[in-house]
Each structure stands twice: as C-alpha cells, then as structure tokens.
Amino acid sequence: MKMIEIADLTIREASERTEFPMTFKEKMEVAKQLEKRKVAVVELPNVSANKTDALVAKSLAPIIKESVLSVCAGPDKAEIEKAWETVAAAAKPRIQIVVPTSPIQMEYVSGKKPAKMIEAIAETVAYAKSLCADVEFTAQDATRSESDFLMKACETAIENGATVINLCDTAGVMLPFEFVEFVQKVKSSVKGIENVKLSVTCSDELSVANANAFAVVAEIDQMKTTLLGHGAPSLDTVVHTFTL
C-alpha cells in the first residue's frame, strides 16, 4: 500500500473550537504522544493572537524531533513572522499558510477579490519560503471554489515555493465519488503538482470524512486527522484501517 503521511489537527482544533478546550499541559502531552505514535505532522494553530498557543509552539519546538511541527498563518507577513518565530528551533519546522479560496470566504473572511488574492498568495508563500524550507499552502473551502481560480491559486503557491498543497472540503459538501473526481481534476490541471505533496482535509459534518479520505488514498500523499470533533477523519479509524 502507498505510504500516506498523517498530519494531526487535534491541538489546532482544541484552540480553534471552544467545545474542545485543552490546557497547556494537555497540549504538550498530546503532541508528545502523537510523535511517539509516528504521526508525521503535528499541527498547531495560528499563534499571532494567542500568547498561550505561541508558548505551546515555542515549548514544543525543541522537544518534537521526529514529527514535523507545523504552525498555521493567514496570508499575512506579520502572522508568518510570528509562526516562524515559534517553530524556528524545531528539528522539522513547517509554516502552513491558510487561504480562503471560495468566492464567499474570499469576500467575507479576507475582503479580497480573486486577482488580489492571487497576488497575496504569491507574496506570502514566497516570504514564508524565505524563512522556512517547508511551506504548506492550504486552500480553505477548496471544494466550493471556482475551478479556474483554485487551479491558479495552487499553481501560484507551487511557483513560489510551496512544498505541500492541502485541499479542504471545509463544509463537507462532497460524497466520496465526487471528492475523487475533484482531487483527480486538481492533479491533472495544476502545473507542478507532481513535484509537491498533495494533502486533503475532509470535514465530517455529513459523517463522510473517513469515506472521502479513504476514497482518495491512491491520489494523495498526506491526510489530516483529529482526535476531536468533525474537522477531519478520526485518527483512531485511520490508523486502525491502515494497519489491518
């Protein structure tokens, strides 16, 4: 079977979702246990507005040796600088730039038109790359994005140094056969996609995250999981399935 890297969102979700609070000590212990269980990537939230999250990231940086330590940032240089400041000491640091790519999210989350968003992607991915060798570009709400724009956004990120392209089915709107077709279209349309890792984040809002993720295992290199909530497939289910 093809080797799929697991990027776990548990600590990130604990900070972003109020229904799943975790203490500083709990986040530290979860990260250690994830690494102990050979999870490839431990994901952390955007640290620019939360001192506790920044402290967690800085405290984990010298401890996590085998897993990639990834910190989120928006398409904003100040956020990228803060992310890098917290993980610079890590053995395997990564900056993840999360960008809204659907028309609704671009307008209401970022206040940018498509052309300006493409400029922002180029500028911020290049800036993150100047700081960190490993840069993930996450297309938020990718499955509700206009196809031509999504392809251009991914190509722009790759051209400016992204090493991972992550496609989010943020609202969980696709069924497995639709998600396979969607991922295959991205792979066949985006120039340079063969030179980077392709990742997916499947929301479980419709209880099909596991099915969607497993449906595309032949197409991807990385899969997001979680121990909490509906943001991604269950880590327990994924590990159990892959070890059968």
Protein backbone atom coordinates (compact mmCIF):
# COMPACT_ATOMS: atom_id res chain seq x y z
CA MET A 1 0.00 0.00 0.00
CA LYS A 2 1.15 3.55 -0.75
CA MET A 3 2.61 5.34 2.26
CA ILE A 4 0.31 8.19 3.39
CA GLU A 5 1.61 10.73 5.88
CA ILE A 6 -0.72 11.64 8.75
CA ALA A 7 -0.98 15.29 9.80
CA ASP A 8 -2.96 15.54 13.03
CA LEU A 9 -5.14 18.57 13.80
CA THR A 10 -6.03 17.76 17.43
CA ILE A 11 -4.06 20.54 19.13
CA ARG A 12 -5.08 23.04 16.47
CA GLU A 13 -8.76 22.14 16.87
CA ALA A 14 -8.51 22.42 20.64
CA SER A 15 -7.54 26.06 20.21
CA GLU A 16 -9.93 26.90 17.38
CA ARG A 17 -13.06 25.15 18.69
CA THR A 18 -14.41 26.28 22.06
CA GLU A 19 -16.21 22.97 22.63
CA PHE A 20 -12.88 21.12 22.86
CA PRO A 21 -10.71 23.09 25.32
CA MET A 22 -7.32 21.72 26.34
CA THR A 23 -4.87 23.02 28.91
CA PHE A 24 -1.26 23.90 28.14
CA LYS A 25 -0.13 20.67 29.80
CA GLU A 26 -2.63 18.59 27.83
CA LYS A 27 -1.49 20.07 24.51
CA MET A 28 2.13 19.31 25.34
CA GLU A 29 1.29 15.73 26.25
CA VAL A 30 -0.85 15.17 23.15
CA ALA A 31 2.00 16.38 20.91
CA LYS A 32 4.44 14.01 22.61
CA GLN A 33 2.05 11.08 22.26
CA LEU A 34 1.40 11.85 18.58
CA GLU A 35 5.13 11.82 17.88
CA LYS A 36 5.55 8.62 19.89
CA ARG A 37 2.93 7.00 17.64
CA LYS A 38 4.81 8.05 14.49
CA VAL A 39 2.37 10.75 13.32
CA ALA A 40 4.24 12.58 10.55
CA VAL A 41 2.97 16.11 11.27
CA VAL A 42 1.74 17.77 14.46
CA GLU A 43 -0.34 20.81 13.53
CA LEU A 44 -0.61 23.89 15.72
CA PRO A 45 -3.00 26.85 15.38
CA ASN A 46 -2.32 30.41 14.29
CA VAL A 47 -0.26 31.83 17.16
CA SER A 48 -0.40 35.53 16.26
CA ALA A 49 -3.33 36.40 18.53
CA ASN A 50 -2.92 33.93 21.39
CA LYS A 51 0.02 34.05 23.78
CA THR A 52 -0.75 30.60 25.19
CA ASP A 53 -0.68 28.99 21.74
CA ALA A 54 2.58 30.77 20.98
CA LEU A 55 4.05 29.44 24.22
CA VAL A 56 2.90 25.91 23.37
CA ALA A 57 4.60 26.13 19.97
CA LYS A 58 7.84 27.53 21.41
CA SER A 59 7.87 24.89 24.14
CA LEU A 60 7.31 22.05 21.68
CA ALA A 61 9.90 23.22 19.15
CA PRO A 62 12.97 21.82 20.97
CA ILE A 63 11.10 18.69 22.12
CA ILE A 64 9.49 17.31 18.95
CA LYS A 65 12.33 15.72 16.98
CA GLU A 66 10.80 13.19 14.58
CA SER A 67 7.46 14.75 13.59
CA VAL A 68 7.11 17.90 11.53
CA LEU A 69 5.91 20.79 13.71
CA SER A 70 3.55 22.90 11.61
CA VAL A 71 2.13 26.31 12.59
CA CYS A 72 -0.75 27.99 10.75
CA ALA A 73 -0.75 31.56 9.46
CA GLY A 74 -3.00 33.59 7.22
CA PRO A 75 -1.75 35.29 4.05
CA ASP A 76 -0.17 37.99 6.17
CA LYS A 77 3.54 38.67 6.66
CA ALA A 78 3.20 39.54 10.34
CA GLU A 79 1.44 36.25 11.04
CA ILE A 80 4.07 34.36 9.06
CA GLU A 81 6.87 36.02 11.02
CA LYS A 82 5.16 35.08 14.29
CA ALA A 83 4.69 31.49 13.12
CA TRP A 84 8.35 31.21 12.18
CA GLU A 85 9.46 32.75 15.47
CA THR A 86 7.67 29.97 17.37
CA VAL A 87 8.92 26.97 15.33
CA ALA A 88 12.33 28.12 14.13
CA ALA A 89 14.05 25.94 16.74
CA ALA A 90 12.17 22.79 15.69
CA ALA A 91 14.02 19.91 14.03
CA LYS A 92 11.41 19.83 11.25
CA PRO A 93 9.55 23.17 11.13
CA ARG A 94 6.74 23.95 8.71
CA ILE A 95 4.71 27.09 8.06
CA GLN A 96 1.18 26.45 6.83
CA ILE A 97 -0.49 29.35 5.02
CA VAL A 98 -4.27 29.03 5.16
CA VAL A 99 -6.06 30.96 2.42
CA PRO A 100 -9.82 31.20 1.74
CA THR A 101 -10.37 30.30 -1.92
CA SER A 102 -14.15 30.16 -2.36
CA PRO A 103 -15.90 33.38 -3.51
CA ILE A 104 -17.87 33.66 -0.27
CA GLN A 105 -14.90 33.19 2.05
CA MET A 106 -12.64 35.45 -0.01
CA GLU A 107 -15.16 38.26 0.24
CA TYR A 108 -16.28 37.88 3.84
CA VAL A 109 -13.13 36.45 5.50
CA SER A 110 -10.36 38.26 3.67
CA GLY A 111 -12.14 41.08 1.84
CA LYS A 112 -10.09 40.37 -1.31
CA LYS A 113 -11.09 39.96 -4.93
CA PRO A 114 -9.62 36.95 -6.81
CA ALA A 115 -6.80 38.90 -8.51
CA LYS A 116 -5.68 40.44 -5.22
CA MET A 117 -5.81 37.06 -3.51
CA ILE A 118 -3.52 35.56 -6.14
CA GLU A 119 -1.07 38.40 -5.51
CA ALA A 120 -1.28 37.79 -1.77
CA ILE A 121 -0.64 34.06 -2.24
CA ALA A 122 2.43 34.73 -4.37
CA GLU A 123 3.85 37.28 -1.95
CA THR A 124 3.20 35.44 1.29
CA VAL A 125 4.19 31.95 0.14
CA ALA A 126 7.46 33.38 -1.20
CA TYR A 127 8.03 35.19 2.07
CA ALA A 128 7.34 32.06 4.13
CA LYS A 129 9.71 30.12 1.88
CA SER A 130 12.46 32.67 2.54
CA LEU A 131 12.15 31.78 6.23
CA CYS A 132 11.29 28.09 6.20
CA ALA A 133 12.16 25.36 3.68
CA ASP A 134 8.85 23.53 4.27
CA VAL A 135 5.74 25.54 3.38
CA GLU A 136 2.21 24.17 3.13
CA PHE A 137 -0.47 26.02 1.17
CA THR A 138 -3.99 25.26 2.35
CA ALA A 139 -6.89 26.12 0.07
CA GLN A 140 -9.71 26.61 2.55
CA ASP A 141 -13.16 25.74 1.21
CA ALA A 142 -11.47 24.35 -1.90
CA THR A 143 -14.45 22.20 -2.90
CA ARG A 144 -16.69 25.28 -3.15
CA SER A 145 -14.11 27.34 -5.04
CA GLU A 146 -14.32 28.28 -8.68
CA SER A 147 -12.25 25.71 -10.55
CA ASP A 148 -10.08 28.08 -12.59
CA PHE A 149 -9.27 30.20 -9.56
CA LEU A 150 -8.41 27.19 -7.40
CA MET A 151 -6.03 25.83 -10.05
CA LYS A 152 -4.37 29.24 -10.40
CA ALA A 153 -4.05 29.58 -6.62
CA CYS A 154 -2.38 26.17 -6.31
CA GLU A 155 -0.05 26.86 -9.24
CA THR A 156 0.91 30.22 -7.76
CA ALA A 157 1.71 28.63 -4.41
CA ILE A 158 3.88 25.96 -6.08
CA GLU A 159 5.69 28.52 -8.24
CA ASN A 160 6.57 30.48 -5.11
CA GLY A 161 7.94 27.57 -3.11
CA ALA A 162 5.10 25.60 -1.52
CA THR A 163 6.11 22.03 -0.75
CA VAL A 164 2.62 20.81 0.22
CA ILE A 165 -0.77 21.64 -1.32
CA ASN A 166 -3.70 20.94 1.00
CA LEU A 167 -7.28 20.86 -0.31
CA CYS A 168 -10.07 21.40 2.24
CA ASP A 169 -13.63 20.19 1.90
CA THR A 170 -14.38 22.70 4.66
CA ALA A 171 -18.17 22.30 4.71
CA GLY A 172 -18.12 18.56 4.00
CA VAL A 173 -20.23 19.04 0.88
CA MET A 174 -18.86 16.20 -1.28
CA LEU A 175 -19.60 12.50 -1.37
CA PRO A 176 -16.72 10.08 -1.98
CA PHE A 177 -17.15 9.71 -5.76
CA GLU A 178 -17.37 13.50 -6.13
CA PHE A 179 -14.28 14.03 -3.97
CA VAL A 180 -12.24 11.56 -6.03
CA GLU A 181 -13.19 13.40 -9.23
CA PHE A 182 -12.34 16.73 -7.60
CA VAL A 183 -8.86 15.62 -6.45
CA GLN A 184 -8.13 13.96 -9.79
CA LYS A 185 -9.04 17.17 -11.62
CA VAL A 186 -6.64 19.17 -9.46
CA LYS A 187 -3.88 16.64 -10.13
CA SER A 188 -4.45 16.74 -13.88
CA SER A 189 -4.83 20.52 -14.13
CA VAL A 190 -2.28 22.12 -11.79
CA LYS A 191 1.18 22.56 -13.24
CA GLY A 192 3.92 21.29 -10.95
CA ILE A 193 1.57 19.36 -8.65
CA GLU A 194 3.67 16.24 -9.25
CA ASN A 195 6.63 17.95 -7.55
CA VAL A 196 4.90 18.59 -4.21
CA LYS A 197 2.96 16.61 -1.64
CA LEU A 198 -0.80 16.61 -2.12
CA SER A 199 -2.87 16.67 1.07
CA VAL A 200 -6.58 16.64 1.89
CA THR A 201 -8.68 17.79 4.82
CA CYS A 202 -12.11 16.13 4.84
CA SER A 203 -14.73 17.63 7.14
CA ASP A 204 -17.02 15.18 8.92
CA GLU A 205 -20.06 17.46 9.04
CA LEU A 206 -22.01 14.92 6.91
CA SER A 207 -20.27 11.91 8.51
CA VAL A 208 -18.39 11.01 5.32
CA ALA A 209 -14.89 12.27 6.20
CA ASN A 210 -13.48 8.77 6.62
CA ALA A 211 -15.08 7.57 3.39
CA ASN A 212 -13.84 10.60 1.43
CA ALA A 213 -10.30 10.33 2.77
CA PHE A 214 -10.05 6.60 2.07
CA ALA A 215 -11.52 7.08 -1.42
CA VAL A 216 -8.58 9.26 -2.47
CA VAL A 217 -5.66 7.42 -0.84
CA ALA A 218 -4.29 6.49 -4.26
CA GLU A 219 -4.16 10.18 -5.23
CA ILE A 220 -2.67 11.85 -2.15
CA ASP A 221 0.48 11.97 -0.03
CA GLN A 222 -0.90 13.40 3.22
CA MET A 223 -4.17 13.09 5.14
CA LYS A 224 -5.39 15.28 8.01
CA THR A 225 -6.83 13.56 11.10
CA THR A 226 -8.05 14.51 14.55
CA LEU A 227 -8.94 13.06 17.94
CA LEU A 228 -11.63 15.74 18.36
CA GLY A 229 -14.76 16.96 16.63
CA HIS A 230 -15.71 16.98 12.96
CA GLY A 231 -12.78 18.83 11.37
CA ALA A 232 -11.18 15.75 9.85
CA PRO A 233 -11.30 11.93 9.85
CA SER A 234 -10.75 10.17 13.16
CA LEU A 235 -7.10 9.38 13.84
CA ASP A 236 -8.14 6.15 15.53
CA THR A 237 -10.13 4.99 12.49
CA VAL A 238 -7.39 5.93 10.03
CA VAL A 239 -4.66 4.15 11.99
CA HIS A 240 -6.83 1.07 12.51
CA THR A 241 -7.69 0.91 8.79
CA PHE A 242 -4.13 1.32 7.58
CA THR A 243 -2.83 -1.35 9.97
CA LEU A 244 -5.35 -4.03 9.03
